[in-house]
Amino acid sequence: MAIDLLNGSLKIEIFYDKRDKDYEDNICLCINEIGPEEEKIFYAGETNLYISAEEARRLAELLLKAADTSSHATR
């Protein structure tokens, strides 16, 4: 699964990494950033963060809560 953010200059892929099945933190957030160096948020063009299933669930909950708050605030 992937999502493009910031007008396509930031792509985030989220996937279960089978190679790390023996580790608790086996969910990868792969962040690819395209654009001029002076506009980049990250130092590298690609950054991988590995998180656990519990951390992924918490991240999803927080994103949904923020989205719900945003939707309600614009009404």
Protein backbone atom coordinates (compact mmCIF):
# COMPACT_ATOMS: atom_id res chain seq x y z
CA MET A 1 0.00 0.00 0.00
CA ALA A 2 1.30 3.44 -0.84
CA ILE A 3 0.20 7.04 -0.55
CA ASP A 4 1.59 10.14 -2.22
CA LEU A 5 1.80 13.28 -0.07
CA LEU A 6 2.93 16.88 -0.62
CA ASN A 7 1.89 16.98 -4.28
CA GLY A 8 3.67 13.71 -5.03
CA SER A 9 7.06 14.71 -3.65
CA LEU A 10 6.72 12.26 -0.73
CA LYS A 11 5.64 8.64 -1.21
CA ILE A 12 4.97 6.41 1.78
CA GLU A 13 4.70 2.66 1.36
CA ILE A 14 3.54 0.53 4.28
CA PHE A 15 4.00 -3.23 4.20
CA TYR A 16 4.72 -6.34 6.26
CA ASP A 17 8.32 -7.34 5.58
CA LYS A 18 8.44 -11.16 5.40
CA ARG A 19 12.23 -11.10 5.69
CA ASP A 20 11.83 -9.76 9.24
CA LYS A 21 9.08 -12.20 10.31
CA ASP A 22 11.12 -13.29 13.33
CA TYR A 23 11.28 -9.74 14.68
CA GLU A 24 8.54 -7.84 16.47
CA ASP A 25 9.12 -4.72 14.37
CA ASN A 26 8.41 -6.21 10.93
CA ILE A 27 6.12 -3.55 9.46
CA CYS A 28 8.02 -1.18 7.20
CA LEU A 29 7.19 2.45 6.54
CA CYS A 30 9.25 3.19 3.44
CA ILE A 31 9.45 6.91 2.74
CA ASN A 32 10.70 8.06 -0.67
CA GLU A 33 11.27 11.74 -1.24
CA ILE A 34 11.66 13.33 -4.65
CA GLY A 35 12.59 16.94 -5.26
CA PRO A 36 15.33 19.53 -4.89
CA GLU A 37 17.73 18.94 -1.99
CA GLU A 38 16.90 22.31 -0.40
CA GLU A 39 13.22 21.35 -0.14
CA LYS A 40 13.67 17.85 1.28
CA ILE A 41 12.56 16.95 4.79
CA PHE A 42 14.82 13.88 5.11
CA TYR A 43 18.56 13.62 4.47
CA ALA A 44 18.24 10.45 2.36
CA GLY A 45 16.07 9.92 -0.69
CA GLU A 46 14.65 6.81 1.01
CA THR A 47 14.11 6.26 4.71
CA ASN A 48 12.80 3.01 6.21
CA LEU A 49 11.22 2.85 9.64
CA TYR A 50 10.32 -0.53 11.12
CA ILE A 51 7.55 -0.69 13.67
CA SER A 52 5.65 -3.41 15.53
CA ALA A 53 2.04 -4.39 14.90
CA GLU A 54 0.99 -2.61 18.11
CA GLU A 55 2.79 0.57 17.04
CA ALA A 56 1.14 0.33 13.61
CA ARG A 57 -2.30 0.03 15.23
CA ARG A 58 -1.61 3.03 17.46
CA LEU A 59 -0.41 5.07 14.48
CA ALA A 60 -3.58 4.15 12.57
CA GLU A 61 -5.74 5.14 15.56
CA LEU A 62 -4.03 8.51 15.87
CA LEU A 63 -4.35 9.21 12.14
CA LEU A 64 -8.06 8.34 12.21
CA LYS A 65 -8.63 10.50 15.30
CA ALA A 66 -6.89 13.47 13.65
CA ALA A 67 -8.87 12.94 10.43
CA ASP A 68 -12.16 12.78 12.35
CA THR A 69 -11.28 15.94 14.29
CA SER A 70 -10.38 17.71 11.04
CA SER A 71 -13.63 16.64 9.36
CA HIS A 72 -15.72 17.82 12.31
CA ALA A 73 -13.86 21.13 12.55
CA THR A 74 -14.66 22.06 8.95
CA ARG A 75 -18.41 21.65 9.43
